[in-house]
Amino acid sequence: DWLRRQIKLSYLGLASLERTIARQCARIASLKDGDANTTLYHRLCTYRKQKNWIHGISVDGAVL
């Protein structure tokens, strides 16, 4: 049972890493294929900027 759990954890970790690598390769490929399509690139950057924005921080019940 212990060995089976260890193998499963290793497998899940490697599967996650494989998905991450595939996602990053797809991003790079889309940028290489569509370098002239700056509208898409700017939309992605704008979305990332909005996603990273901190709208407010709650400290002792007060929103800053």
C-alpha atoms as a PDB file:
ATOM      1  CA  ASP A   1       0.000   0.000   0.000  1.00  0.00           C
ATOM      2  CA  TRP A   2       2.796   2.408   0.887  1.00  0.00           C
ATOM      3  CA  LEU A   3       4.578   1.794  -2.418  1.00  0.00           C
ATOM      4  CA  ARG A   4       1.324   2.203  -4.361  1.00  0.00           C
ATOM      5  CA  ARG A   5       0.662   5.571  -2.660  1.00  0.00           C
ATOM      6  CA  GLN A   6       4.201   6.767  -3.380  1.00  0.00           C
ATOM      7  CA  ILE A   7       3.951   5.763  -7.023  1.00  0.00           C
ATOM      8  CA  LYS A   8       0.572   7.489  -7.354  1.00  0.00           C
ATOM      9  CA  LEU A   9       1.918  10.700  -5.799  1.00  0.00           C
ATOM     10  CA  SER A  10       4.911  10.636  -8.145  1.00  0.00           C
ATOM     11  CA  TYR A  11       2.672   9.985 -11.131  1.00  0.00           C
ATOM     12  CA  LEU A  12       0.321  12.846 -10.251  1.00  0.00           C
ATOM     13  CA  GLY A  13       3.274  15.194  -9.774  1.00  0.00           C
ATOM     14  CA  LEU A  14       4.737  14.270 -13.155  1.00  0.00           C
ATOM     15  CA  ALA A  15       1.338  14.615 -14.858  1.00  0.00           C
ATOM     16  CA  SER A  16       0.941  18.107 -13.407  1.00  0.00           C
ATOM     17  CA  LEU A  17       4.421  19.059 -14.578  1.00  0.00           C
ATOM     18  CA  GLU A  18       3.675  17.709 -18.053  1.00  0.00           C
ATOM     19  CA  ARG A  19       0.484  19.814 -18.279  1.00  0.00           C
ATOM     20  CA  THR A  20       2.382  22.916 -17.177  1.00  0.00           C
ATOM     21  CA  ILE A  21       5.101  22.378 -19.784  1.00  0.00           C
ATOM     22  CA  ALA A  22       2.511  21.790 -22.514  1.00  0.00           C
ATOM     23  CA  ARG A  23       0.653  24.985 -21.527  1.00  0.00           C
ATOM     24  CA  GLN A  24       3.853  27.049 -21.644  1.00  0.00           C
ATOM     25  CA  CYS A  25       4.834  25.564 -25.013  1.00  0.00           C
ATOM     26  CA  ALA A  26       1.398  26.456 -26.375  1.00  0.00           C
ATOM     27  CA  ARG A  27       1.811  30.056 -25.193  1.00  0.00           C
ATOM     28  CA  ILE A  28       5.203  30.352 -26.862  1.00  0.00           C
ATOM     29  CA  ALA A  29       3.921  28.751 -30.066  1.00  0.00           C
ATOM     30  CA  SER A  30       0.948  31.106 -30.211  1.00  0.00           C
ATOM     31  CA  LEU A  31       3.243  34.107 -29.830  1.00  0.00           C
ATOM     32  CA  LYS A  32       5.596  32.824 -32.537  1.00  0.00           C
ATOM     33  CA  ASP A  33       2.739  32.065 -34.930  1.00  0.00           C
ATOM     34  CA  GLY A  34       0.875  35.315 -34.390  1.00  0.00           C
ATOM     35  CA  ASP A  35       3.564  37.916 -33.802  1.00  0.00           C
ATOM     36  CA  ALA A  36       1.760  40.311 -36.137  1.00  0.00           C
ATOM     37  CA  ASN A  37      -1.467  39.925 -34.139  1.00  0.00           C
ATOM     38  CA  THR A  38      -0.675  42.541 -31.504  1.00  0.00           C
ATOM     39  CA  THR A  39      -4.339  42.962 -30.548  1.00  0.00           C
ATOM     40  CA  LEU A  40      -4.415  39.482 -29.049  1.00  0.00           C
ATOM     41  CA  TYR A  41      -1.120  40.048 -27.266  1.00  0.00           C
ATOM     42  CA  HIS A  42      -2.325  43.338 -25.761  1.00  0.00           C
ATOM     43  CA  ARG A  43      -5.596  41.733 -24.635  1.00  0.00           C
ATOM     44  CA  LEU A  44      -3.657  38.998 -22.861  1.00  0.00           C
ATOM     45  CA  CYS A  45      -1.427  41.571 -21.163  1.00  0.00           C
ATOM     46  CA  THR A  46      -4.417  43.669 -20.116  1.00  0.00           C
ATOM     47  CA  TYR A  47      -6.158  40.610 -18.677  1.00  0.00           C
ATOM     48  CA  ARG A  48      -3.019  39.659 -16.733  1.00  0.00           C
ATOM     49  CA  LYS A  49      -2.706  43.211 -15.368  1.00  0.00           C
ATOM     50  CA  GLN A  50      -6.349  43.171 -14.199  1.00  0.00           C
ATOM     51  CA  LYS A  51      -5.906  39.740 -12.660  1.00  0.00           C
ATOM     52  CA  ASN A  52      -2.835  40.856 -10.689  1.00  0.00           C
ATOM     53  CA  TRP A  53      -4.545  43.994  -9.340  1.00  0.00           C
ATOM     54  CA  ILE A  54      -5.263  44.037  -5.598  1.00  0.00           C
ATOM     55  CA  HIS A  55      -8.706  45.585  -5.127  1.00  0.00           C
ATOM     56  CA  GLY A  56      -8.521  45.954  -1.379  1.00  0.00           C
ATOM     57  CA  ILE A  57      -6.987  44.582   1.785  1.00  0.00           C
ATOM     58  CA  SER A  58      -9.066  43.933   4.868  1.00  0.00           C
ATOM     59  CA  VAL A  59      -7.322  44.783   8.161  1.00  0.00           C
ATOM     60  CA  ASP A  60      -9.297  44.451  11.401  1.00  0.00           C
ATOM     61  CA  GLY A  61     -12.569  44.763   9.489  1.00  0.00           C
ATOM     62  CA  ALA A  62     -11.509  47.936   7.655  1.00  0.00           C
ATOM     63  CA  VAL A  63     -10.967  47.744   3.908  1.00  0.00           C
ATOM     64  CA  LEU A  64      -7.922  49.621   2.678  1.00  0.00           C
END
